[in-house]
Amino acid sequence: MKGLKISTVGWSVGGLLAISYVLCVVWDVIFPGWAMYPVWEKLLPGFSWSAAGLAIGFIETLAYGFYVAIIFVPLFNYLQKRAHTTAIDA
């Protein structure tokens, strides 16, 4: 079996985080009493309620997705290869 690719997992996880980010921003606009604005300010450096700040937050969520992929994919591929090799030897 072929291993995972960092780019594929990065875009997948980054896309998931970016979509979640957009939904949360929309939630904050609709329900300001339950806003996550203070959390976004802590998690996403440069985030603010300006067009530039929202764009920075979006880009950072994509970057976090690639960060996860850079760590997860090599680890997964290594463990998958090791498990496959161990199964053949058994």
Protein backbone atom coordinates (compact mmCIF):
# COMPACT_ATOMS: atom_id res chain seq x y z
CA MET A 1 0.00 0.00 0.00
CA LYS A 2 1.25 3.46 -0.86
CA GLY A 3 1.87 5.92 1.93
CA LEU A 4 0.03 9.16 2.52
CA LYS A 5 1.22 12.37 0.86
CA ILE A 6 1.87 15.46 2.94
CA SER A 7 0.24 17.71 0.33
CA THR A 8 -2.97 15.67 0.21
CA VAL A 9 -3.31 15.44 3.98
CA GLY A 10 -2.26 19.08 4.36
CA TRP A 11 -4.95 20.34 2.01
CA SER A 12 -7.53 18.01 3.58
CA VAL A 13 -6.84 19.01 7.18
CA GLY A 14 -6.23 22.64 6.22
CA GLY A 15 -9.52 22.68 4.33
CA LEU A 16 -11.34 21.19 7.30
CA LEU A 17 -9.87 23.82 9.62
CA ALA A 18 -10.54 26.66 7.16
CA ILE A 19 -14.18 25.62 6.69
CA SER A 20 -14.57 25.34 10.47
CA TYR A 21 -13.00 28.80 10.86
CA VAL A 22 -15.42 30.36 8.36
CA LEU A 23 -18.40 28.69 10.05
CA CYS A 24 -17.23 29.98 13.43
CA VAL A 25 -16.80 33.52 12.09
CA VAL A 26 -20.34 33.36 10.66
CA TRP A 27 -21.56 32.02 14.02
CA ASP A 28 -19.90 34.98 15.76
CA VAL A 29 -21.70 37.41 13.45
CA ILE A 30 -25.10 35.73 13.96
CA PHE A 31 -24.73 35.08 17.71
CA PRO A 32 -22.38 37.73 19.15
CA GLY A 33 -23.26 36.72 22.71
CA TRP A 34 -21.68 33.31 22.12
CA ALA A 35 -18.79 34.60 20.03
CA MET A 36 -15.45 32.84 19.95
CA TYR A 37 -13.68 36.06 19.04
CA PRO A 38 -11.44 36.07 22.16
CA VAL A 39 -10.35 32.49 21.44
CA TRP A 40 -9.47 33.28 17.81
CA GLU A 41 -7.34 36.22 18.98
CA LYS A 42 -5.28 33.86 21.16
CA LEU A 43 -4.99 31.00 18.66
CA LEU A 44 -4.43 32.99 15.47
CA PRO A 45 -1.77 35.74 15.70
CA GLY A 46 -2.85 38.74 13.65
CA PHE A 47 -6.55 37.85 13.75
CA SER A 48 -8.94 40.79 14.11
CA TRP A 49 -12.38 41.82 12.93
CA SER A 50 -10.99 43.54 9.86
CA ALA A 51 -10.82 42.16 6.33
CA ALA A 52 -7.06 41.70 6.65
CA GLY A 53 -7.37 40.09 10.09
CA LEU A 54 -10.02 37.65 8.89
CA ALA A 55 -7.88 36.75 5.86
CA ILE A 56 -4.85 36.20 8.11
CA GLY A 57 -6.93 33.89 10.30
CA PHE A 58 -8.06 31.92 7.24
CA ILE A 59 -4.50 31.54 5.96
CA GLU A 60 -3.28 30.50 9.40
CA THR A 61 -5.91 27.75 9.66
CA LEU A 62 -4.65 26.37 6.35
CA ALA A 63 -1.08 26.57 7.65
CA TYR A 64 -2.06 24.70 10.82
CA GLY A 65 -3.45 21.94 8.59
CA PHE A 66 -0.10 21.60 6.85
CA TYR A 67 1.68 21.64 10.20
CA VAL A 68 -0.43 18.66 11.27
CA ALA A 69 0.30 16.90 7.97
CA ILE A 70 4.07 17.48 8.23
CA ILE A 71 4.09 15.71 11.60
CA PHE A 72 1.35 13.12 11.02
CA VAL A 73 2.17 11.79 7.54
CA PRO A 74 5.77 10.66 8.10
CA LEU A 75 4.79 9.11 11.43
CA PHE A 76 1.82 7.31 9.87
CA ASN A 77 3.84 6.10 6.88
CA TYR A 78 6.62 4.83 9.14
CA LEU A 79 4.24 2.97 11.43
CA GLN A 80 2.28 1.57 8.49
CA LYS A 81 5.47 0.29 6.86
CA ARG A 82 6.65 -1.18 10.15
CA ALA A 83 3.31 -2.91 10.78
CA HIS A 84 3.26 -4.29 7.21
CA THR A 85 6.83 -5.59 7.56
CA THR A 86 6.04 -7.18 10.92
CA ALA A 87 2.92 -8.87 9.48
CA ILE A 88 4.94 -10.37 6.62
CA ASP A 89 7.64 -11.66 8.99
CA ALA A 90 5.10 -13.32 11.29
